[in-house]
Amino acid sequence: MASISISSFVKCLVRKPDYRDSIIRSEKRLAARKKVAKENKAKEDTTPFAAVYYSRACGIVRNFHKHNHHISWLTQRANYIESLIIDNMTKRQKQTLKNNARGILDYSNHFANQRMQIMPLRRLQYTYSDLVINIQPDVYAIRHGLPHMIKLNFSKDIINDLSSALYWDTYTQMIYLGMFQHEYFSGNFRAATFHVSHQSENIVSGLSDINLIMIEDVCSDILERWNTVYI
């Protein structure tokens, strides 16, 4: 069974097919490192620095809504994250903390008035033949009376060019497909991506919003390449 993250899958779809082998190779290397760490019962967290602090920033957003904090609480959390920057960090690590702090402030400016009932997060998967795409949204909430799985995009990059628009459209579609295949979800539900710095969002509310043919073509191509790509 081949397994790939949602972000890697979407990159496979958005970029030229020539890039797919390198993306698959990166996924295999990451899986191998995780396997070794698990077998050795490594105590050290192998999660990348950026992923750790992005996850914490998403946790701040969830707690803000869950506990009905005042909007000033988000500002306090953002200031705290930026205070974690120390001299011996790498330039990339410093920028990661600055970006997450800025993302939380942008969320407070653009999305803090959202009425959401926060629910326990659920991991999702989309399975196509022998390919599993792992999907982990950042927020699961009841919004406008309907279940929503939400991705938080803290990036300030332009999102109206064709490449970025396709990336985030597909990312949101894959979240919906993961919900569609999950036994927990039935009836009406939504997948969403909040573009925190741009005060905009992608919403997918049904299969009619999804280009299944394009997605399945990429899945088939990944499977054909999988056993020919070596670490």
C-alpha atoms as a PDB file:
ATOM      1  CA  MET A   1       0.000   0.000   0.000  1.00  0.00           C
ATOM      2  CA  ALA A   2       1.405   3.388  -1.016  1.00  0.00           C
ATOM      3  CA  SER A   3       0.916   6.289   1.387  1.00  0.00           C
ATOM      4  CA  ILE A   4       1.369  10.015   0.784  1.00  0.00           C
ATOM      5  CA  SER A   5       0.483  13.249   2.565  1.00  0.00           C
ATOM      6  CA  ILE A   6      -2.214  15.551   1.232  1.00  0.00           C
ATOM      7  CA  SER A   7       0.301  18.366   0.623  1.00  0.00           C
ATOM      8  CA  SER A   8       2.576  16.069  -1.402  1.00  0.00           C
ATOM      9  CA  PHE A   9      -0.372  14.762  -3.398  1.00  0.00           C
ATOM     10  CA  VAL A  10      -1.565  18.260  -4.246  1.00  0.00           C
ATOM     11  CA  LYS A  11       1.982  19.204  -5.321  1.00  0.00           C
ATOM     12  CA  CYS A  12       1.950  16.155  -7.620  1.00  0.00           C
ATOM     13  CA  LEU A  13      -1.261  17.449  -9.165  1.00  0.00           C
ATOM     14  CA  VAL A  14      -0.262  21.093  -9.496  1.00  0.00           C
ATOM     15  CA  ARG A  15       3.326  20.677 -10.699  1.00  0.00           C
ATOM     16  CA  LYS A  16       4.527  19.113 -13.908  1.00  0.00           C
ATOM     17  CA  PRO A  17       4.627  15.287 -13.914  1.00  0.00           C
ATOM     18  CA  ASP A  18       8.465  15.448 -14.028  1.00  0.00           C
ATOM     19  CA  TYR A  19       8.430  16.531 -10.353  1.00  0.00           C
ATOM     20  CA  ARG A  20       6.407  13.558  -9.151  1.00  0.00           C
ATOM     21  CA  ASP A  21       9.314  11.148  -8.760  1.00  0.00           C
ATOM     22  CA  SER A  22      11.146  13.546  -6.430  1.00  0.00           C
ATOM     23  CA  ILE A  23       7.990  14.113  -4.371  1.00  0.00           C
ATOM     24  CA  ILE A  24       7.434  10.373  -4.036  1.00  0.00           C
ATOM     25  CA  ARG A  25      11.099   9.898  -3.091  1.00  0.00           C
ATOM     26  CA  SER A  26      10.763  12.511  -0.330  1.00  0.00           C
ATOM     27  CA  GLU A  27       7.649  10.770   1.021  1.00  0.00           C
ATOM     28  CA  LYS A  28       9.464   7.410   1.069  1.00  0.00           C
ATOM     29  CA  ARG A  29      12.471   8.898   2.882  1.00  0.00           C
ATOM     30  CA  LEU A  30      10.240  10.476   5.520  1.00  0.00           C
ATOM     31  CA  ALA A  31       8.380   7.203   6.036  1.00  0.00           C
ATOM     32  CA  ALA A  32      11.706   5.345   6.391  1.00  0.00           C
ATOM     33  CA  ARG A  33      12.956   7.814   9.038  1.00  0.00           C
ATOM     34  CA  LYS A  34       9.723   7.483  10.987  1.00  0.00           C
ATOM     35  CA  LYS A  35       9.949   3.695  10.812  1.00  0.00           C
ATOM     36  CA  VAL A  36      13.512   3.668  12.138  1.00  0.00           C
ATOM     37  CA  ALA A  37      12.602   6.086  14.937  1.00  0.00           C
ATOM     38  CA  LYS A  38       9.643   3.903  15.896  1.00  0.00           C
ATOM     39  CA  GLU A  39      11.682   0.694  15.849  1.00  0.00           C
ATOM     40  CA  ASN A  40      14.382   2.311  17.981  1.00  0.00           C
ATOM     41  CA  LYS A  41      11.739   3.849  20.241  1.00  0.00           C
ATOM     42  CA  ALA A  42      13.438   7.186  19.800  1.00  0.00           C
ATOM     43  CA  LYS A  43      12.567   9.667  22.498  1.00  0.00           C
ATOM     44  CA  GLU A  44      13.591  12.644  20.398  1.00  0.00           C
ATOM     45  CA  ASP A  45      10.762  14.236  18.448  1.00  0.00           C
ATOM     46  CA  THR A  46      11.568  13.969  14.732  1.00  0.00           C
ATOM     47  CA  THR A  47       8.792  16.382  13.707  1.00  0.00           C
ATOM     48  CA  PRO A  48      10.203  19.347  11.749  1.00  0.00           C
ATOM     49  CA  PHE A  49      10.446  22.655  13.635  1.00  0.00           C
ATOM     50  CA  ALA A  50       8.018  24.419  11.272  1.00  0.00           C
ATOM     51  CA  ALA A  51       5.400  21.681  11.639  1.00  0.00           C
ATOM     52  CA  VAL A  52       5.612  21.793  15.444  1.00  0.00           C
ATOM     53  CA  TYR A  53       4.972  25.520  15.682  1.00  0.00           C
ATOM     54  CA  TYR A  54       2.375  25.538  12.926  1.00  0.00           C
ATOM     55  CA  SER A  55       0.500  22.871  14.893  1.00  0.00           C
ATOM     56  CA  ARG A  56       0.732  24.992  18.038  1.00  0.00           C
ATOM     57  CA  ALA A  57      -0.600  28.035  16.195  1.00  0.00           C
ATOM     58  CA  CYS A  58      -3.569  25.986  14.977  1.00  0.00           C
ATOM     59  CA  GLY A  59      -4.126  24.819  18.555  1.00  0.00           C
ATOM     60  CA  ILE A  60      -4.300  28.463  19.658  1.00  0.00           C
ATOM     61  CA  VAL A  61      -7.048  29.115  17.092  1.00  0.00           C
ATOM     62  CA  ARG A  62      -9.018  26.076  18.285  1.00  0.00           C
ATOM     63  CA  ASN A  63      -8.691  27.073  21.952  1.00  0.00           C
ATOM     64  CA  PHE A  64      -9.737  30.647  21.158  1.00  0.00           C
ATOM     65  CA  HIS A  65     -13.109  29.435  19.877  1.00  0.00           C
ATOM     66  CA  LYS A  66     -13.484  26.504  22.267  1.00  0.00           C
ATOM     67  CA  HIS A  67     -13.131  28.665  25.387  1.00  0.00           C
ATOM     68  CA  ASN A  68     -14.708  31.842  23.965  1.00  0.00           C
ATOM     69  CA  HIS A  69     -11.646  33.958  24.739  1.00  0.00           C
ATOM     70  CA  HIS A  70     -11.634  37.696  24.182  1.00  0.00           C
ATOM     71  CA  ILE A  71      -9.950  38.748  20.946  1.00  0.00           C
ATOM     72  CA  SER A  72      -7.095  40.255  22.975  1.00  0.00           C
ATOM     73  CA  TRP A  73      -6.141  36.697  23.976  1.00  0.00           C
ATOM     74  CA  LEU A  74      -5.015  36.042  20.393  1.00  0.00           C
ATOM     75  CA  THR A  75      -2.777  39.103  20.500  1.00  0.00           C
ATOM     76  CA  GLN A  76      -1.242  37.853  23.748  1.00  0.00           C
ATOM     77  CA  ARG A  77      -0.587  34.429  22.222  1.00  0.00           C
ATOM     78  CA  ALA A  78       0.971  35.974  19.116  1.00  0.00           C
ATOM     79  CA  ASN A  79       3.269  38.132  21.256  1.00  0.00           C
ATOM     80  CA  TYR A  80       4.271  35.068  23.270  1.00  0.00           C
ATOM     81  CA  ILE A  81       5.194  33.087  20.147  1.00  0.00           C
ATOM     82  CA  GLU A  82       7.368  35.936  18.892  1.00  0.00           C
ATOM     83  CA  SER A  83       9.033  36.158  22.315  1.00  0.00           C
ATOM     84  CA  LEU A  84      10.312  32.589  21.818  1.00  0.00           C
ATOM     85  CA  ILE A  85      12.805  33.801  19.199  1.00  0.00           C
ATOM     86  CA  ILE A  86      16.365  33.518  20.498  1.00  0.00           C
ATOM     87  CA  ASP A  87      19.719  34.402  18.950  1.00  0.00           C
ATOM     88  CA  ASN A  88      20.980  30.862  18.365  1.00  0.00           C
ATOM     89  CA  MET A  89      17.991  29.885  16.225  1.00  0.00           C
ATOM     90  CA  THR A  90      18.477  29.564  12.492  1.00  0.00           C
ATOM     91  CA  LYS A  91      17.130  32.263  10.198  1.00  0.00           C
ATOM     92  CA  ARG A  92      14.430  29.860   9.010  1.00  0.00           C
ATOM     93  CA  GLN A  93      13.358  29.018  12.573  1.00  0.00           C
ATOM     94  CA  LYS A  94      13.113  32.702  13.473  1.00  0.00           C
ATOM     95  CA  GLN A  95      11.040  33.354  10.364  1.00  0.00           C
ATOM     96  CA  THR A  96       8.757  30.420  11.210  1.00  0.00           C
ATOM     97  CA  LEU A  97       7.918  31.904  14.606  1.00  0.00           C
ATOM     98  CA  LYS A  98       7.407  35.369  13.107  1.00  0.00           C
ATOM     99  CA  ASN A  99       5.091  33.946  10.432  1.00  0.00           C
ATOM    100  CA  ASN A 100       2.994  32.040  12.973  1.00  0.00           C
ATOM    101  CA  ALA A 101       2.723  35.083  15.241  1.00  0.00           C
ATOM    102  CA  ARG A 102       1.672  37.215  12.281  1.00  0.00           C
ATOM    103  CA  GLY A 103      -0.806  34.512  11.186  1.00  0.00           C
ATOM    104  CA  ILE A 104      -2.514  34.536  14.574  1.00  0.00           C
ATOM    105  CA  LEU A 105      -2.786  38.325  14.463  1.00  0.00           C
ATOM    106  CA  ASP A 106      -4.257  38.102  10.946  1.00  0.00           C
ATOM    107  CA  TYR A 107      -6.732  35.521  12.202  1.00  0.00           C
ATOM    108  CA  SER A 108      -7.784  37.881  15.001  1.00  0.00           C
ATOM    109  CA  ASN A 109      -8.360  40.633  12.427  1.00  0.00           C
ATOM    110  CA  HIS A 110     -10.190  38.607   9.785  1.00  0.00           C
ATOM    111  CA  PHE A 111     -11.752  35.458  11.274  1.00  0.00           C
ATOM    112  CA  ALA A 112     -12.093  35.916  15.046  1.00  0.00           C
ATOM    113  CA  ASN A 113     -15.785  36.743  14.705  1.00  0.00           C
ATOM    114  CA  GLN A 114     -16.544  33.290  13.266  1.00  0.00           C
ATOM    115  CA  ARG A 115     -19.110  31.403  15.360  1.00  0.00           C
ATOM    116  CA  MET A 116     -17.812  27.858  15.659  1.00  0.00           C
ATOM    117  CA  GLN A 117     -18.385  24.968  18.038  1.00  0.00           C
ATOM    118  CA  ILE A 118     -15.020  23.219  18.215  1.00  0.00           C
ATOM    119  CA  MET A 119     -15.093  19.416  18.011  1.00  0.00           C
ATOM    120  CA  PRO A 120     -12.303  16.853  18.595  1.00  0.00           C
ATOM    121  CA  LEU A 121     -10.059  16.618  15.531  1.00  0.00           C
ATOM    122  CA  ARG A 122     -10.374  13.574  13.286  1.00  0.00           C
ATOM    123  CA  ARG A 123      -7.747  12.258  10.922  1.00  0.00           C
ATOM    124  CA  LEU A 124      -8.997  11.592   7.428  1.00  0.00           C
ATOM    125  CA  GLN A 125      -7.821   9.464   4.545  1.00  0.00           C
ATOM    126  CA  TYR A 126      -8.727   9.289   0.895  1.00  0.00           C
ATOM    127  CA  THR A 127      -8.120   5.850  -0.590  1.00  0.00           C
ATOM    128  CA  TYR A 128      -7.821   5.176  -4.290  1.00  0.00           C
ATOM    129  CA  SER A 129      -6.960   1.569  -5.163  1.00  0.00           C
ATOM    130  CA  ASP A 130      -3.637   0.916  -3.315  1.00  0.00           C
ATOM    131  CA  LEU A 131      -2.917   4.583  -2.630  1.00  0.00           C
ATOM    132  CA  VAL A 132      -3.737   6.224   0.708  1.00  0.00           C
ATOM    133  CA  ILE A 133      -3.677  10.014   0.976  1.00  0.00           C
ATOM    134  CA  ASN A 134      -3.355  11.131   4.591  1.00  0.00           C
ATOM    135  CA  ILE A 135      -5.351  14.231   5.486  1.00  0.00           C
ATOM    136  CA  GLN A 136      -5.162  16.111   8.763  1.00  0.00           C
ATOM    137  CA  PRO A 137      -7.260  19.299   8.854  1.00  0.00           C
ATOM    138  CA  ASP A 138      -6.466  21.935  11.468  1.00  0.00           C
ATOM    139  CA  VAL A 139      -9.940  22.590  12.844  1.00  0.00           C
ATOM    140  CA  TYR A 140     -13.082  20.478  13.105  1.00  0.00           C
ATOM    141  CA  ALA A 141     -16.072  22.592  14.009  1.00  0.00           C
ATOM    142  CA  ILE A 142     -19.805  22.972  13.693  1.00  0.00           C
ATOM    143  CA  ARG A 143     -20.267  26.148  11.673  1.00  0.00           C
ATOM    144  CA  HIS A 144     -23.579  27.472  10.344  1.00  0.00           C
ATOM    145  CA  GLY A 145     -25.117  24.312  11.769  1.00  0.00           C
ATOM    146  CA  LEU A 146     -22.971  21.995   9.628  1.00  0.00           C
ATOM    147  CA  PRO A 147     -19.778  19.987  10.259  1.00  0.00           C
ATOM    148  CA  HIS A 148     -16.743  21.741   8.780  1.00  0.00           C
ATOM    149  CA  MET A 149     -13.205  20.419   8.425  1.00  0.00           C
ATOM    150  CA  ILE A 150     -10.951  23.451   8.047  1.00  0.00           C
ATOM    151  CA  LYS A 151      -7.405  24.048   6.851  1.00  0.00           C
ATOM    152  CA  LEU A 152      -5.709  27.249   8.074  1.00  0.00           C
ATOM    153  CA  ASN A 153      -3.450  28.876   5.492  1.00  0.00           C
ATOM    154  CA  PHE A 154      -1.200  31.391   7.288  1.00  0.00           C
ATOM    155  CA  SER A 155       0.802  32.229   4.161  1.00  0.00           C
ATOM    156  CA  LYS A 156       0.891  35.789   2.836  1.00  0.00           C
ATOM    157  CA  ASP A 157       1.630  34.540  -0.678  1.00  0.00           C
ATOM    158  CA  ILE A 158      -0.669  35.677  -3.455  1.00  0.00           C
ATOM    159  CA  ILE A 159      -3.518  33.190  -3.877  1.00  0.00           C
ATOM    160  CA  ASN A 160      -5.203  34.517  -7.013  1.00  0.00           C
ATOM    161  CA  ASP A 161      -2.663  33.242  -9.543  1.00  0.00           C
ATOM    162  CA  LEU A 162      -3.612  30.066 -11.370  1.00  0.00           C
ATOM    163  CA  SER A 163      -1.095  27.786  -9.642  1.00  0.00           C
ATOM    164  CA  SER A 164      -2.004  28.864  -6.101  1.00  0.00           C
ATOM    165  CA  ALA A 165      -5.726  28.825  -6.874  1.00  0.00           C
ATOM    166  CA  LEU A 166      -5.473  25.265  -8.229  1.00  0.00           C
ATOM    167  CA  TYR A 167      -3.390  24.190  -5.214  1.00  0.00           C
ATOM    168  CA  TRP A 168      -5.887  25.427  -2.623  1.00  0.00           C
ATOM    169  CA  ASP A 169      -8.946  24.361  -4.616  1.00  0.00           C
ATOM    170  CA  THR A 170      -7.552  20.840  -4.811  1.00  0.00           C
ATOM    171  CA  TYR A 171      -6.419  20.831  -1.172  1.00  0.00           C
ATOM    172  CA  THR A 172      -9.952  21.703  -0.047  1.00  0.00           C
ATOM    173  CA  GLN A 173     -11.442  19.135  -2.414  1.00  0.00           C
ATOM    174  CA  MET A 174      -9.232  16.420  -0.910  1.00  0.00           C
ATOM    175  CA  ILE A 175     -10.423  17.307   2.604  1.00  0.00           C
ATOM    176  CA  TYR A 176     -13.999  16.878   1.394  1.00  0.00           C
ATOM    177  CA  LEU A 177     -13.179  13.526  -0.213  1.00  0.00           C
ATOM    178  CA  GLY A 178     -11.612  12.388   3.062  1.00  0.00           C
ATOM    179  CA  MET A 179     -14.809  13.352   4.877  1.00  0.00           C
ATOM    180  CA  PHE A 180     -16.893  11.634   2.189  1.00  0.00           C
ATOM    181  CA  GLN A 181     -15.043   8.342   2.703  1.00  0.00           C
ATOM    182  CA  HIS A 182     -15.114   8.580   6.529  1.00  0.00           C
ATOM    183  CA  GLU A 183     -17.893   6.585   8.200  1.00  0.00           C
ATOM    184  CA  TYR A 184     -18.470   9.375  10.746  1.00  0.00           C
ATOM    185  CA  PHE A 185     -19.733  11.927   8.218  1.00  0.00           C
ATOM    186  CA  SER A 186     -23.063  11.691   6.441  1.00  0.00           C
ATOM    187  CA  GLY A 187     -25.608  14.127   5.079  1.00  0.00           C
ATOM    188  CA  ASN A 188     -24.473  17.708   4.664  1.00  0.00           C
ATOM    189  CA  PHE A 189     -20.926  18.701   5.565  1.00  0.00           C
ATOM    190  CA  ARG A 190     -18.327  21.123   4.314  1.00  0.00           C
ATOM    191  CA  ALA A 191     -14.598  21.331   3.719  1.00  0.00           C
ATOM    192  CA  ALA A 192     -12.960  24.748   3.945  1.00  0.00           C
ATOM    193  CA  THR A 193      -9.632  26.514   3.722  1.00  0.00           C
ATOM    194  CA  PHE A 194      -9.307  29.846   5.525  1.00  0.00           C
ATOM    195  CA  HIS A 195      -6.750  32.113   3.847  1.00  0.00           C
ATOM    196  CA  VAL A 196      -6.052  33.912   7.087  1.00  0.00           C
ATOM    197  CA  SER A 197      -3.966  36.807   5.749  1.00  0.00           C
ATOM    198  CA  HIS A 198      -6.296  37.486   2.813  1.00  0.00           C
ATOM    199  CA  GLN A 199      -9.703  37.357   4.537  1.00  0.00           C
ATOM    200  CA  SER A 200     -10.965  34.774   2.055  1.00  0.00           C
ATOM    201  CA  GLU A 201     -11.883  31.111   2.052  1.00  0.00           C
ATOM    202  CA  ASN A 202     -12.379  28.101  -0.197  1.00  0.00           C
ATOM    203  CA  ILE A 203     -15.519  26.058   0.448  1.00  0.00           C
ATOM    204  CA  VAL A 204     -16.394  22.626  -0.963  1.00  0.00           C
ATOM    205  CA  SER A 205     -19.932  21.475  -0.254  1.00  0.00           C
ATOM    206  CA  GLY A 206     -20.433  18.498  -2.546  1.00  0.00           C
ATOM    207  CA  LEU A 207     -18.937  16.115  -5.065  1.00  0.00           C
ATOM    208  CA  SER A 208     -20.097  18.366  -7.891  1.00  0.00           C
ATOM    209  CA  ASP A 209     -17.426  20.845  -6.727  1.00  0.00           C
ATOM    210  CA  ILE A 210     -14.675  18.271  -7.256  1.00  0.00           C
ATOM    211  CA  ASN A 211     -12.752  17.365 -10.405  1.00  0.00           C
ATOM    212  CA  LEU A 212     -12.627  13.623  -9.702  1.00  0.00           C
ATOM    213  CA  ILE A 213     -11.218  12.670 -13.104  1.00  0.00           C
ATOM    214  CA  MET A 214      -8.135  14.858 -12.651  1.00  0.00           C
ATOM    215  CA  ILE A 215      -7.612  13.584  -9.079  1.00  0.00           C
ATOM    216  CA  GLU A 216      -7.972   9.929 -10.078  1.00  0.00           C
ATOM    217  CA  ASP A 217      -5.575  10.380 -13.026  1.00  0.00           C
ATOM    218  CA  VAL A 218      -2.894  11.708 -10.658  1.00  0.00           C
ATOM    219  CA  CYS A 219      -3.566   8.864  -8.198  1.00  0.00           C
ATOM    220  CA  SER A 220      -3.093   6.321 -10.991  1.00  0.00           C
ATOM    221  CA  ASP A 221       0.157   7.951 -12.100  1.00  0.00           C
ATOM    222  CA  ILE A 222       1.547   7.974  -8.542  1.00  0.00           C
ATOM    223  CA  LEU A 223       0.775   4.259  -8.214  1.00  0.00           C
ATOM    224  CA  GLU A 224       2.509   3.498 -11.515  1.00  0.00           C
ATOM    225  CA  ARG A 225       5.625   5.371 -10.386  1.00  0.00           C
ATOM    226  CA  TRP A 226       5.656   4.198  -6.757  1.00  0.00           C
ATOM    227  CA  ASN A 227       7.665   0.973  -7.095  1.00  0.00           C
ATOM    228  CA  THR A 228      10.053   2.441  -9.642  1.00  0.00           C
ATOM    229  CA  VAL A 229      11.212   5.279  -7.390  1.00  0.00           C
ATOM    230  CA  TYR A 230      14.023   4.384  -5.004  1.00  0.00           C
ATOM    231  CA  ILE A 231      15.277   6.296  -1.977  1.00  0.00           C
END
